[in-house]
């Protein structure tokens, strides 16, 4: 019988997950301003900053992030999910019709290094986002990554 190398699968040693919603309407957001989802429902790992609207990866790994944004009454706007200030993906809602609201959302899978930051950013000047918990930002660590893989056996 031939022995083969076996790679040890390590469970996430650091659980990370957060969910934050927007309590009040965010009004008159500036261009390139983070949307600060202020109502923190879950923050396992203490990685989401509600004041700044920013998630900072406490460990390197593969993360999943999702956001849903609802327009304010008769408003259209562009948003971006940014990593370290660089656009990963864009979002758009169009709520311009009479009494119209619109929603937009995205889910992404990203490999992050410890210290990388993720935020949802308004791209247009003087825009509003609907609050009352219709708009949300969430994320979690799917798999922690390690610099070295421990090998068991020969």
N, C-alpha and C. Protein backbone atom coordinates (compact mmCIF):
# COMPACT_ATOMS: atom_id res chain seq x y z
N UNK A 1 0.83 -1.16 0.00
CA UNK A 1 0.00 0.00 0.00
C UNK A 1 0.89 1.24 0.00
N UNK A 2 0.59 2.19 -0.87
CA UNK A 2 1.37 3.40 -1.00
C UNK A 2 0.79 4.49 -0.13
N UNK A 3 1.66 5.19 0.59
CA UNK A 3 1.21 6.31 1.41
C UNK A 3 1.18 7.57 0.55
N UNK A 4 0.16 8.38 0.74
CA UNK A 4 0.04 9.64 0.01
C UNK A 4 0.03 10.79 1.01
N UNK A 5 0.47 11.95 0.55
CA UNK A 5 0.40 13.14 1.40
C UNK A 5 -1.05 13.51 1.62
N UNK A 6 -1.36 13.88 2.82
CA UNK A 6 -2.70 14.34 3.14
C UNK A 6 -2.59 15.77 3.64
N UNK A 7 -3.46 16.62 3.16
CA UNK A 7 -3.48 18.00 3.60
C UNK A 7 -4.55 18.12 4.67
N UNK A 8 -4.15 18.70 5.78
CA UNK A 8 -5.08 18.87 6.90
C UNK A 8 -6.01 20.04 6.60
N UNK A 9 -7.29 19.81 6.68
CA UNK A 9 -8.28 20.87 6.51
C UNK A 9 -8.52 21.52 7.87
N UNK A 10 -8.30 22.81 7.94
CA UNK A 10 -8.45 23.54 9.18
C UNK A 10 -9.75 24.32 9.13
N UNK A 11 -10.54 24.25 10.21
CA UNK A 11 -11.76 25.03 10.29
C UNK A 11 -11.41 26.49 10.51
N UNK A 12 -12.35 27.37 10.18
CA UNK A 12 -12.13 28.78 10.45
C UNK A 12 -11.88 28.96 11.94
N UNK A 13 -10.74 29.50 12.26
CA UNK A 13 -10.41 29.74 13.66
C UNK A 13 -11.00 31.05 14.16
N UNK A 14 -11.32 31.93 13.23
CA UNK A 14 -11.85 33.24 13.58
C UNK A 14 -13.18 33.45 12.88
N UNK A 15 -14.30 33.23 13.56
CA UNK A 15 -15.59 33.47 12.90
C UNK A 15 -15.81 34.96 12.65
N UNK A 16 -16.29 35.28 11.45
CA UNK A 16 -16.54 36.68 11.07
C UNK A 16 -17.86 36.73 10.32
N UNK A 17 -18.77 37.58 10.77
CA UNK A 17 -20.04 37.79 10.08
C UNK A 17 -20.66 39.09 10.58
N UNK A 18 -21.29 39.83 9.67
CA UNK A 18 -21.97 41.05 10.10
C UNK A 18 -23.21 41.30 9.24
N UNK A 19 -24.15 42.02 9.82
CA UNK A 19 -25.34 42.51 9.12
C UNK A 19 -25.64 43.87 9.71
N UNK A 20 -25.77 44.87 8.83
CA UNK A 20 -26.14 46.22 9.26
C UNK A 20 -27.18 46.76 8.29
N UNK A 21 -28.14 47.49 8.86
CA UNK A 21 -29.19 48.11 8.05
C UNK A 21 -29.14 49.62 8.26
N UNK A 22 -29.86 50.32 7.41
CA UNK A 22 -29.93 51.77 7.50
C UNK A 22 -31.21 52.15 8.23
N UNK A 23 -31.07 52.77 9.41
CA UNK A 23 -32.23 53.13 10.23
C UNK A 23 -33.01 54.29 9.61
N UNK A 24 -32.37 55.43 9.50
CA UNK A 24 -33.00 56.62 8.92
C UNK A 24 -32.57 56.77 7.47
N UNK A 25 -33.30 57.60 6.74
CA UNK A 25 -32.91 57.87 5.37
C UNK A 25 -31.54 58.56 5.39
N UNK A 26 -30.66 58.15 4.49
CA UNK A 26 -29.39 58.84 4.31
C UNK A 26 -29.64 59.92 3.27
N UNK A 27 -29.52 61.16 3.66
CA UNK A 27 -29.88 62.27 2.77
C UNK A 27 -28.66 63.09 2.38
N UNK A 28 -28.72 63.60 1.17
CA UNK A 28 -27.68 64.48 0.63
C UNK A 28 -26.29 63.86 0.70
N UNK A 29 -26.20 62.57 0.36
CA UNK A 29 -24.89 61.91 0.33
C UNK A 29 -24.01 62.57 -0.72
N UNK A 30 -22.77 62.77 -0.38
CA UNK A 30 -21.82 63.35 -1.32
C UNK A 30 -21.26 62.31 -2.26
N UNK A 31 -20.66 62.77 -3.33
CA UNK A 31 -20.00 61.86 -4.27
C UNK A 31 -18.85 61.18 -3.55
N UNK A 32 -18.74 59.88 -3.73
CA UNK A 32 -17.71 59.04 -3.12
C UNK A 32 -17.80 58.95 -1.60
N UNK A 33 -19.00 59.15 -1.06
CA UNK A 33 -19.23 59.02 0.38
C UNK A 33 -19.72 57.62 0.70
N UNK A 34 -19.14 57.01 1.75
CA UNK A 34 -19.61 55.71 2.20
C UNK A 34 -21.04 55.81 2.71
N UNK A 35 -21.82 54.77 2.46
CA UNK A 35 -23.13 54.66 3.08
C UNK A 35 -22.89 54.00 4.44
N UNK A 36 -23.21 54.71 5.50
CA UNK A 36 -22.97 54.21 6.86
C UNK A 36 -24.23 53.49 7.35
N UNK A 37 -24.25 52.19 7.16
CA UNK A 37 -25.36 51.37 7.64
C UNK A 37 -25.22 51.31 9.16
N UNK A 38 -26.08 52.03 9.87
CA UNK A 38 -25.88 52.31 11.28
C UNK A 38 -26.46 51.30 12.25
N UNK A 39 -27.44 50.53 11.84
CA UNK A 39 -28.10 49.58 12.74
C UNK A 39 -27.41 48.22 12.63
N UNK A 40 -26.49 47.96 13.54
CA UNK A 40 -25.72 46.72 13.49
C UNK A 40 -26.53 45.62 14.18
N UNK A 41 -26.97 44.66 13.38
CA UNK A 41 -27.75 43.54 13.89
C UNK A 41 -26.82 42.43 14.38
N UNK A 42 -25.79 42.16 13.60
CA UNK A 42 -24.80 41.12 13.92
C UNK A 42 -23.42 41.67 13.60
N UNK A 43 -22.46 41.43 14.48
CA UNK A 43 -21.08 41.81 14.20
C UNK A 43 -20.14 40.84 14.93
N UNK A 44 -20.13 39.62 14.46
CA UNK A 44 -19.26 38.59 15.02
C UNK A 44 -17.85 38.84 14.49
N UNK A 45 -16.92 39.04 15.35
CA UNK A 45 -15.55 39.34 14.96
C UNK A 45 -15.22 40.82 15.01
N UNK A 46 -16.23 41.65 15.32
CA UNK A 46 -16.04 43.09 15.52
C UNK A 46 -15.29 43.73 14.36
N UNK A 47 -15.71 43.45 13.12
CA UNK A 47 -14.99 43.93 11.94
C UNK A 47 -15.73 45.03 11.18
N UNK A 48 -16.99 45.31 11.53
CA UNK A 48 -17.75 46.34 10.83
C UNK A 48 -17.82 47.60 11.67
N UNK A 49 -17.51 48.74 11.07
CA UNK A 49 -17.58 50.03 11.74
C UNK A 49 -18.80 50.77 11.21
N UNK A 50 -19.84 50.88 12.05
CA UNK A 50 -21.10 51.50 11.63
C UNK A 50 -20.94 53.00 11.39
N UNK A 51 -20.07 53.65 12.14
CA UNK A 51 -19.88 55.09 11.99
C UNK A 51 -19.31 55.44 10.61
N UNK A 52 -18.34 54.67 10.18
CA UNK A 52 -17.71 54.94 8.88
C UNK A 52 -18.28 54.13 7.74
N UNK A 53 -19.14 53.12 8.04
CA UNK A 53 -19.71 52.28 6.99
C UNK A 53 -18.66 51.42 6.31
N UNK A 54 -17.74 50.87 7.11
CA UNK A 54 -16.62 50.14 6.52
C UNK A 54 -16.38 48.83 7.26
N UNK A 55 -16.09 47.79 6.48
CA UNK A 55 -15.72 46.49 7.02
C UNK A 55 -14.21 46.34 6.82
N UNK A 56 -13.51 45.90 7.87
CA UNK A 56 -12.07 45.67 7.77
C UNK A 56 -11.81 44.20 8.10
N UNK A 57 -11.23 43.48 7.15
CA UNK A 57 -11.00 42.04 7.30
C UNK A 57 -10.05 41.77 8.46
N UNK A 58 -10.52 41.03 9.47
CA UNK A 58 -9.66 40.72 10.61
C UNK A 58 -8.68 39.59 10.32
N UNK A 59 -8.97 38.79 9.30
CA UNK A 59 -8.09 37.68 8.90
C UNK A 59 -8.14 37.57 7.37
N UNK A 60 -7.12 36.97 6.81
CA UNK A 60 -7.12 36.71 5.36
C UNK A 60 -8.08 35.57 5.06
N UNK A 61 -8.75 35.66 3.93
CA UNK A 61 -9.67 34.58 3.58
C UNK A 61 -10.58 34.93 2.42
N UNK A 62 -11.51 34.04 2.17
CA UNK A 62 -12.52 34.20 1.13
C UNK A 62 -13.79 34.67 1.83
N UNK A 63 -14.29 35.81 1.41
CA UNK A 63 -15.45 36.44 2.03
C UNK A 63 -16.58 36.58 1.02
N UNK A 64 -17.79 36.61 1.54
CA UNK A 64 -18.98 36.89 0.72
C UNK A 64 -19.63 38.15 1.29
N UNK A 65 -19.92 39.11 0.40
CA UNK A 65 -20.58 40.35 0.78
C UNK A 65 -21.82 40.54 -0.07
N UNK A 66 -22.83 41.17 0.53
CA UNK A 66 -24.06 41.44 -0.19
C UNK A 66 -24.62 42.77 0.30
N UNK A 67 -25.20 43.52 -0.62
CA UNK A 67 -25.87 44.76 -0.24
C UNK A 67 -27.15 44.89 -1.04
N UNK A 68 -28.14 45.51 -0.41
CA UNK A 68 -29.38 45.89 -1.07
C UNK A 68 -29.63 47.34 -0.69
N UNK A 69 -29.89 48.16 -1.70
CA UNK A 69 -30.10 49.58 -1.46
C UNK A 69 -31.43 49.98 -2.10
N UNK A 70 -32.27 50.66 -1.31
CA UNK A 70 -33.55 51.15 -1.82
C UNK A 70 -33.46 52.65 -2.04
N UNK A 71 -33.97 53.08 -3.17
CA UNK A 71 -33.94 54.51 -3.51
C UNK A 71 -34.90 55.28 -2.61
N UNK A 72 -34.59 56.53 -2.42
CA UNK A 72 -35.57 57.42 -1.82
C UNK A 72 -36.57 57.77 -2.91
N UNK A 73 -37.63 58.39 -2.52
CA UNK A 73 -38.71 58.77 -3.42
C UNK A 73 -38.18 59.54 -4.62
N UNK A 74 -38.44 59.04 -5.83
CA UNK A 74 -38.09 59.69 -7.09
C UNK A 74 -36.59 60.01 -7.20
N UNK A 75 -35.74 59.08 -6.83
CA UNK A 75 -34.29 59.31 -6.88
C UNK A 75 -33.62 58.22 -7.70
N UNK A 76 -32.62 58.60 -8.46
CA UNK A 76 -31.76 57.62 -9.12
C UNK A 76 -30.32 57.89 -8.69
N UNK A 77 -29.51 56.84 -8.64
CA UNK A 77 -28.13 57.02 -8.22
C UNK A 77 -27.28 55.81 -8.55
N UNK A 78 -25.98 56.03 -8.59
CA UNK A 78 -24.99 54.98 -8.80
C UNK A 78 -24.24 54.74 -7.49
N UNK A 79 -23.91 53.49 -7.25
CA UNK A 79 -23.14 53.09 -6.06
C UNK A 79 -22.05 52.13 -6.50
N UNK A 80 -21.11 51.89 -5.61
CA UNK A 80 -20.06 50.92 -5.87
C UNK A 80 -19.75 50.16 -4.60
N UNK A 81 -19.39 48.91 -4.76
CA UNK A 81 -18.78 48.16 -3.67
C UNK A 81 -17.28 48.30 -3.92
N UNK A 82 -16.57 48.85 -2.93
CA UNK A 82 -15.15 49.12 -3.10
C UNK A 82 -14.32 48.31 -2.12
N UNK A 83 -13.15 47.86 -2.61
CA UNK A 83 -12.15 47.21 -1.78
C UNK A 83 -10.93 48.12 -1.76
N UNK A 84 -10.56 48.55 -0.57
CA UNK A 84 -9.40 49.44 -0.41
C UNK A 84 -9.51 50.67 -1.32
N UNK A 85 -10.74 51.19 -1.48
CA UNK A 85 -10.97 52.38 -2.28
C UNK A 85 -11.07 52.16 -3.77
N UNK A 86 -10.93 50.91 -4.21
CA UNK A 86 -11.01 50.59 -5.63
C UNK A 86 -12.32 49.89 -5.94
N UNK A 87 -13.00 50.34 -6.97
CA UNK A 87 -14.28 49.78 -7.37
C UNK A 87 -14.17 48.30 -7.74
N UNK A 88 -15.01 47.47 -7.12
CA UNK A 88 -15.10 46.05 -7.48
C UNK A 88 -16.28 45.85 -8.41
N UNK A 89 -17.40 46.45 -8.06
CA UNK A 89 -18.61 46.35 -8.88
C UNK A 89 -19.46 47.60 -8.65
N UNK A 90 -20.36 47.87 -9.59
CA UNK A 90 -21.24 49.03 -9.49
C UNK A 90 -22.69 48.59 -9.38
N UNK A 91 -23.49 49.50 -8.82
CA UNK A 91 -24.93 49.29 -8.67
C UNK A 91 -25.63 50.56 -9.15
N UNK A 92 -26.90 50.40 -9.56
CA UNK A 92 -27.68 51.55 -10.01
C UNK A 92 -29.14 51.31 -9.67
N UNK A 93 -29.79 52.37 -9.20
CA UNK A 93 -31.25 52.31 -9.08
C UNK A 93 -31.87 53.52 -9.76
N UNK A 94 -33.11 53.31 -10.22
CA UNK A 94 -33.81 54.33 -10.98
C UNK A 94 -35.22 54.46 -10.41
N UNK A 95 -35.41 55.43 -9.54
CA UNK A 95 -36.71 55.65 -8.93
C UNK A 95 -37.30 56.97 -9.33
N UNK A 96 -37.20 57.35 -10.60
CA UNK A 96 -37.60 58.68 -11.03
C UNK A 96 -39.09 58.85 -11.33
N UNK A 97 -39.80 57.80 -11.58
CA UNK A 97 -41.22 57.94 -11.94
C UNK A 97 -42.03 58.45 -10.75
N UNK A 98 -43.22 58.94 -11.03
CA UNK A 98 -44.11 59.46 -9.99
C UNK A 98 -44.32 58.41 -8.91
N UNK A 99 -44.04 58.76 -7.68
CA UNK A 99 -44.20 57.87 -6.51
C UNK A 99 -43.40 56.57 -6.65
N UNK A 100 -42.32 56.60 -7.40
CA UNK A 100 -41.57 55.37 -7.64
C UNK A 100 -40.39 55.21 -6.68
N UNK A 101 -40.16 53.97 -6.31
CA UNK A 101 -38.97 53.56 -5.57
C UNK A 101 -38.33 52.45 -6.38
N UNK A 102 -37.06 52.23 -6.18
CA UNK A 102 -36.37 51.16 -6.87
C UNK A 102 -35.35 50.57 -5.90
N UNK A 103 -34.96 49.34 -6.14
CA UNK A 103 -33.90 48.73 -5.34
C UNK A 103 -32.83 48.18 -6.26
N UNK A 104 -31.65 48.06 -5.70
CA UNK A 104 -30.54 47.46 -6.40
C UNK A 104 -29.77 46.62 -5.40
N UNK A 105 -29.10 45.61 -5.89
CA UNK A 105 -28.32 44.77 -4.98
C UNK A 105 -27.26 43.99 -5.72
N UNK A 106 -26.31 43.50 -4.96
CA UNK A 106 -25.23 42.70 -5.53
C UNK A 106 -24.68 41.80 -4.43
N UNK A 107 -24.19 40.64 -4.85
CA UNK A 107 -23.47 39.73 -3.97
C UNK A 107 -22.15 39.41 -4.65
N UNK A 108 -21.05 39.49 -3.89
CA UNK A 108 -19.73 39.23 -4.44
C UNK A 108 -18.96 38.27 -3.54
N UNK A 109 -18.04 37.56 -4.15
CA UNK A 109 -17.11 36.69 -3.44
C UNK A 109 -15.72 37.27 -3.68
N UNK A 110 -15.02 37.58 -2.58
CA UNK A 110 -13.71 38.21 -2.69
C UNK A 110 -12.69 37.51 -1.81
N UNK A 111 -11.48 37.41 -2.32
CA UNK A 111 -10.38 36.94 -1.49
C UNK A 111 -9.70 38.18 -0.92
N UNK A 112 -9.68 38.28 0.41
CA UNK A 112 -9.13 39.45 1.08
C UNK A 112 -7.90 39.08 1.89
N UNK A 113 -7.05 40.05 2.05
CA UNK A 113 -5.91 39.95 2.94
C UNK A 113 -6.27 40.68 4.23
N UNK A 114 -5.78 40.20 5.34
CA UNK A 114 -6.03 40.85 6.62
C UNK A 114 -5.77 42.35 6.48
N UNK A 115 -6.75 43.17 6.92
CA UNK A 115 -6.63 44.62 6.84
C UNK A 115 -7.28 45.25 5.64
N UNK A 116 -7.66 44.46 4.62
CA UNK A 116 -8.39 45.01 3.48
C UNK A 116 -9.73 45.57 3.96
N UNK A 117 -10.20 46.64 3.32
CA UNK A 117 -11.49 47.20 3.73
C UNK A 117 -12.48 47.16 2.57
N UNK A 118 -13.75 46.99 2.96
CA UNK A 118 -14.87 46.93 2.03
C UNK A 118 -15.90 47.97 2.44
N UNK A 119 -16.42 48.71 1.46
CA UNK A 119 -17.46 49.70 1.76
C UNK A 119 -18.42 49.81 0.58
N UNK A 120 -19.60 50.32 0.88
CA UNK A 120 -20.59 50.65 -0.15
C UNK A 120 -20.55 52.16 -0.28
N UNK A 121 -20.30 52.64 -1.50
CA UNK A 121 -20.02 54.06 -1.71
C UNK A 121 -21.02 54.65 -2.70
N UNK A 122 -21.59 55.79 -2.33
CA UNK A 122 -22.43 56.56 -3.24
C UNK A 122 -21.51 57.26 -4.23
N UNK A 123 -21.82 57.19 -5.52
CA UNK A 123 -20.94 57.78 -6.53
C UNK A 123 -21.40 59.14 -7.03
N UNK A 124 -22.67 59.47 -6.85
CA UNK A 124 -23.22 60.72 -7.36
C UNK A 124 -23.39 61.74 -6.23
N UNK A 125 -23.33 63.01 -6.57
CA UNK A 125 -23.47 64.08 -5.57
C UNK A 125 -24.94 64.28 -5.19
N UNK A 126 -25.14 64.58 -3.92
CA UNK A 126 -26.44 64.99 -3.38
C UNK A 126 -27.54 63.96 -3.63
N UNK A 127 -27.32 62.73 -3.20
CA UNK A 127 -28.30 61.66 -3.40
C UNK A 127 -28.79 61.13 -2.05
N UNK A 128 -29.97 60.51 -2.08
CA UNK A 128 -30.59 59.97 -0.87
C UNK A 128 -30.76 58.46 -0.99
N UNK A 129 -30.75 57.78 0.16
CA UNK A 129 -31.00 56.34 0.23
C UNK A 129 -32.11 56.12 1.25
N UNK A 130 -33.05 55.27 0.93
CA UNK A 130 -34.18 54.97 1.81
C UNK A 130 -33.71 54.17 3.02
N UNK A 131 -34.12 54.57 4.18
CA UNK A 131 -33.79 53.89 5.43
C UNK A 131 -34.89 52.93 5.85
N UNK A 132 -35.28 52.99 7.10
CA UNK A 132 -36.31 52.12 7.68
C UNK A 132 -35.99 50.64 7.45
N UNK A 133 -34.69 50.31 7.41
CA UNK A 133 -34.18 48.94 7.31
C UNK A 133 -34.44 48.27 5.97
N UNK A 134 -34.77 49.06 4.94
CA UNK A 134 -34.90 48.51 3.59
C UNK A 134 -33.54 48.34 2.91
N UNK A 135 -32.56 49.11 3.36
CA UNK A 135 -31.21 49.05 2.79
C UNK A 135 -30.30 48.34 3.78
N UNK A 136 -29.46 47.43 3.26
CA UNK A 136 -28.63 46.63 4.17
C UNK A 136 -27.27 46.29 3.53
N UNK A 137 -26.34 45.93 4.40
CA UNK A 137 -24.99 45.53 4.01
C UNK A 137 -24.61 44.36 4.91
N UNK A 138 -24.18 43.27 4.32
CA UNK A 138 -23.85 42.08 5.10
C UNK A 138 -22.65 41.37 4.50
N UNK A 139 -21.97 40.60 5.33
CA UNK A 139 -20.83 39.84 4.84
C UNK A 139 -20.40 38.80 5.85
N UNK A 140 -19.66 37.81 5.36
CA UNK A 140 -19.14 36.79 6.27
C UNK A 140 -17.92 36.12 5.66
N UNK A 141 -17.12 35.55 6.54
CA UNK A 141 -15.94 34.79 6.15
C UNK A 141 -16.38 33.39 5.75
N UNK A 142 -16.14 33.04 4.50
CA UNK A 142 -16.46 31.70 4.02
C UNK A 142 -15.37 30.72 4.41
N UNK A 143 -14.11 31.11 4.14
CA UNK A 143 -12.98 30.22 4.43
C UNK A 143 -11.75 31.05 4.75
N UNK A 144 -11.20 30.82 5.91
CA UNK A 144 -9.95 31.49 6.28
C UNK A 144 -8.81 30.88 5.47
N UNK A 145 -7.88 31.71 5.03
CA UNK A 145 -6.72 31.20 4.30
C UNK A 145 -5.47 31.42 5.14
N UNK A 146 -4.51 30.55 4.94
CA UNK A 146 -3.28 30.54 5.74
C UNK A 146 -2.10 30.62 4.80
N UNK A 147 -1.02 31.21 5.29
CA UNK A 147 0.20 31.32 4.49
C UNK A 147 0.84 29.96 4.25
N UNK A 148 0.79 29.09 5.24
CA UNK A 148 1.41 27.77 5.12
C UNK A 148 0.35 26.71 5.37
N UNK A 149 0.37 25.65 4.58
CA UNK A 149 -0.53 24.54 4.76
C UNK A 149 0.18 23.45 5.53
N UNK A 150 -0.44 23.02 6.60
CA UNK A 150 0.16 21.95 7.40
C UNK A 150 -0.06 20.62 6.69
N UNK A 151 0.98 19.84 6.51
CA UNK A 151 0.88 18.54 5.87
C UNK A 151 1.09 17.47 6.93
N UNK A 152 0.18 16.52 6.94
CA UNK A 152 0.25 15.43 7.90
C UNK A 152 0.61 14.16 7.14
N UNK A 153 1.54 13.38 7.66
CA UNK A 153 1.91 12.13 7.01
C UNK A 153 3.00 12.34 5.99
N UNK A 154 3.36 11.26 5.33
CA UNK A 154 4.41 11.35 4.31
C UNK A 154 3.91 10.86 2.98
